[in-house]
Protein backbone atom coordinates (compact mmCIF):
# COMPACT_ATOMS: atom_id res chain seq x y z
CA UNK A 1 -132.60 -171.37 -39.28
CA UNK A 2 -136.13 -169.14 -40.16
CA UNK A 3 -138.71 -170.06 -37.99
CA UNK A 4 -141.84 -171.67 -40.12
CA UNK A 5 -144.53 -169.47 -40.82
CA UNK A 6 -148.10 -171.67 -41.37
CA UNK A 7 -149.31 -173.46 -39.00
CA UNK A 8 -152.75 -175.76 -38.34
CA UNK A 9 -153.65 -177.47 -35.47
CA UNK A 10 -152.87 -180.86 -34.37
CA UNK A 11 -154.93 -183.59 -34.05
CA UNK A 12 -156.09 -182.47 -30.66
CA UNK A 13 -157.43 -179.57 -32.33
CA UNK A 14 -155.93 -177.21 -30.07
CA UNK A 15 -152.15 -177.29 -30.94
CA UNK A 16 -150.15 -175.28 -33.45
CA UNK A 17 -148.58 -177.52 -35.97
CA UNK A 18 -146.05 -176.21 -38.62
CA UNK A 19 -146.59 -177.35 -41.77
CA UNK A 20 -145.72 -176.41 -45.32
CA UNK A 21 -147.80 -174.35 -47.44
CA UNK A 22 -149.53 -176.13 -49.58
CA UNK A 23 -150.76 -178.55 -46.56
CA UNK A 24 -151.56 -175.10 -45.33
CA UNK A 25 -153.61 -173.78 -47.51
CA UNK A 26 -155.67 -177.01 -47.86
CA UNK A 27 -156.38 -177.21 -44.27
CA UNK A 28 -157.65 -173.71 -43.69
CA UNK A 29 -160.09 -174.60 -46.64
CA UNK A 30 -161.61 -176.60 -44.32
CA UNK A 31 -160.85 -176.20 -40.77
CA UNK A 32 -162.70 -175.05 -37.88
CA UNK A 33 -160.60 -172.21 -36.47
CA UNK A 34 -163.22 -170.58 -34.20
CA UNK A 35 -161.97 -170.53 -30.47
CA UNK A 36 -165.13 -168.61 -29.30
CA UNK A 37 -167.65 -166.02 -30.61
CA UNK A 38 -169.69 -163.56 -28.75
CA UNK A 39 -172.47 -161.50 -31.08
CA UNK A 40 -175.03 -159.26 -29.07
CA UNK A 41 -176.58 -155.94 -29.94
CA UNK A 42 -174.00 -153.98 -32.36
CA UNK A 43 -170.61 -156.05 -30.84
CA UNK A 44 -169.23 -159.06 -32.39
CA UNK A 45 -166.06 -160.88 -30.42
CA UNK A 46 -164.40 -163.41 -32.74
CA UNK A 47 -161.04 -165.29 -31.19
CA UNK A 48 -159.84 -167.34 -33.92
CA UNK A 49 -156.55 -169.78 -34.55
CA UNK A 50 -154.91 -167.95 -37.33
CA UNK A 51 -152.68 -170.41 -38.78
CA UNK A 52 -149.73 -167.80 -39.43
CA UNK A 53 -146.79 -167.18 -36.54
CA UNK A 54 -146.78 -163.48 -35.86
CA UNK A 55 -143.94 -163.00 -33.29
CA UNK A 56 -144.07 -160.16 -30.44
CA UNK A 57 -141.00 -158.15 -30.36
CA UNK A 58 -139.66 -160.11 -27.34
CA UNK A 59 -140.46 -163.12 -29.53
CA UNK A 60 -143.41 -164.71 -27.83
CA UNK A 61 -145.30 -166.65 -31.09
CA UNK A 62 -149.16 -165.58 -31.21
CA UNK A 63 -151.10 -168.04 -33.27
CA UNK A 64 -154.69 -167.03 -32.30
CA UNK A 65 -156.21 -163.39 -32.14
CA UNK A 66 -159.24 -161.62 -30.71
CA UNK A 67 -161.14 -158.88 -33.01
CA UNK A 68 -163.89 -156.92 -31.86
CA UNK A 69 -166.16 -155.38 -34.32
CA UNK A 70 -168.84 -152.64 -34.15
CA UNK A 71 -171.22 -150.76 -36.04
CA UNK A 72 -168.01 -147.89 -36.99
CA UNK A 73 -164.83 -149.87 -36.16
CA UNK A 74 -162.84 -153.24 -36.16
CA UNK A 75 -160.04 -153.81 -33.77
CA UNK A 76 -157.48 -155.96 -32.60
CA UNK A 77 -158.02 -156.70 -28.94
CA UNK A 78 -155.28 -159.38 -28.31
CA UNK A 79 -153.23 -162.29 -29.24
CA UNK A 80 -152.89 -165.60 -27.97
CA UNK A 81 -150.11 -168.25 -27.88
CA UNK A 82 -152.21 -171.10 -27.09
CA UNK A 83 -155.89 -172.43 -27.58
CA UNK A 84 -156.55 -172.02 -23.78
CA UNK A 85 -154.95 -168.25 -23.54
CA UNK A 86 -157.49 -167.39 -26.39
CA UNK A 87 -160.24 -169.01 -24.29
CA UNK A 88 -159.38 -167.07 -21.40
CA UNK A 89 -159.09 -163.98 -22.85
CA UNK A 90 -161.79 -163.94 -24.69
CA UNK A 91 -164.06 -164.81 -21.79
CA UNK A 92 -162.36 -161.41 -20.25
CA UNK A 93 -163.13 -158.90 -23.09
CA UNK A 94 -166.78 -160.78 -23.36
CA UNK A 95 -167.15 -160.04 -19.63
CA UNK A 96 -165.64 -156.56 -19.77
CA UNK A 97 -168.05 -155.65 -22.40
CA UNK A 98 -170.85 -157.09 -21.10
CA UNK A 99 -170.07 -155.12 -17.72
CA UNK A 100 -169.64 -151.24 -19.86
CA UNK A 101 -172.84 -152.73 -21.60
CA UNK A 102 -174.57 -152.57 -18.13
CA UNK A 103 -173.15 -149.58 -16.74
CA UNK A 104 -173.89 -147.71 -19.64
CA UNK A 105 -177.53 -148.72 -19.58
CA UNK A 106 -177.65 -147.85 -16.21
CA UNK A 107 -176.33 -144.46 -16.46
CA UNK A 108 -178.76 -143.75 -19.24
CA UNK A 109 -181.68 -145.04 -17.54
CA UNK A 110 -180.41 -142.71 -14.66
CA UNK A 111 -180.85 -139.82 -16.84
CA UNK A 112 -184.51 -140.16 -18.13
């Protein structure tokens, strides 16, 4: 049997639940899918519930993803199986960006 492809968040608004494409389409139109968002200077980090099942090569299901947007590029930073993992992953990515930004600012000040 083939795995379901379309998912919405259950009543707890954190747990993926398989649905048919019509229910999925309706839900996606009104859903609040943002897990977390960070917007500072020229960096935007957005973590969302995608609503679609993605499987890793090892078969791990992913329903959430973090994208990093800058002035020059967009990249997928990470995918996650659970809301909690997505929150934790988003926090770690933002923390890393902040540390790198502080380090770059210190380097610039030293060269002035």
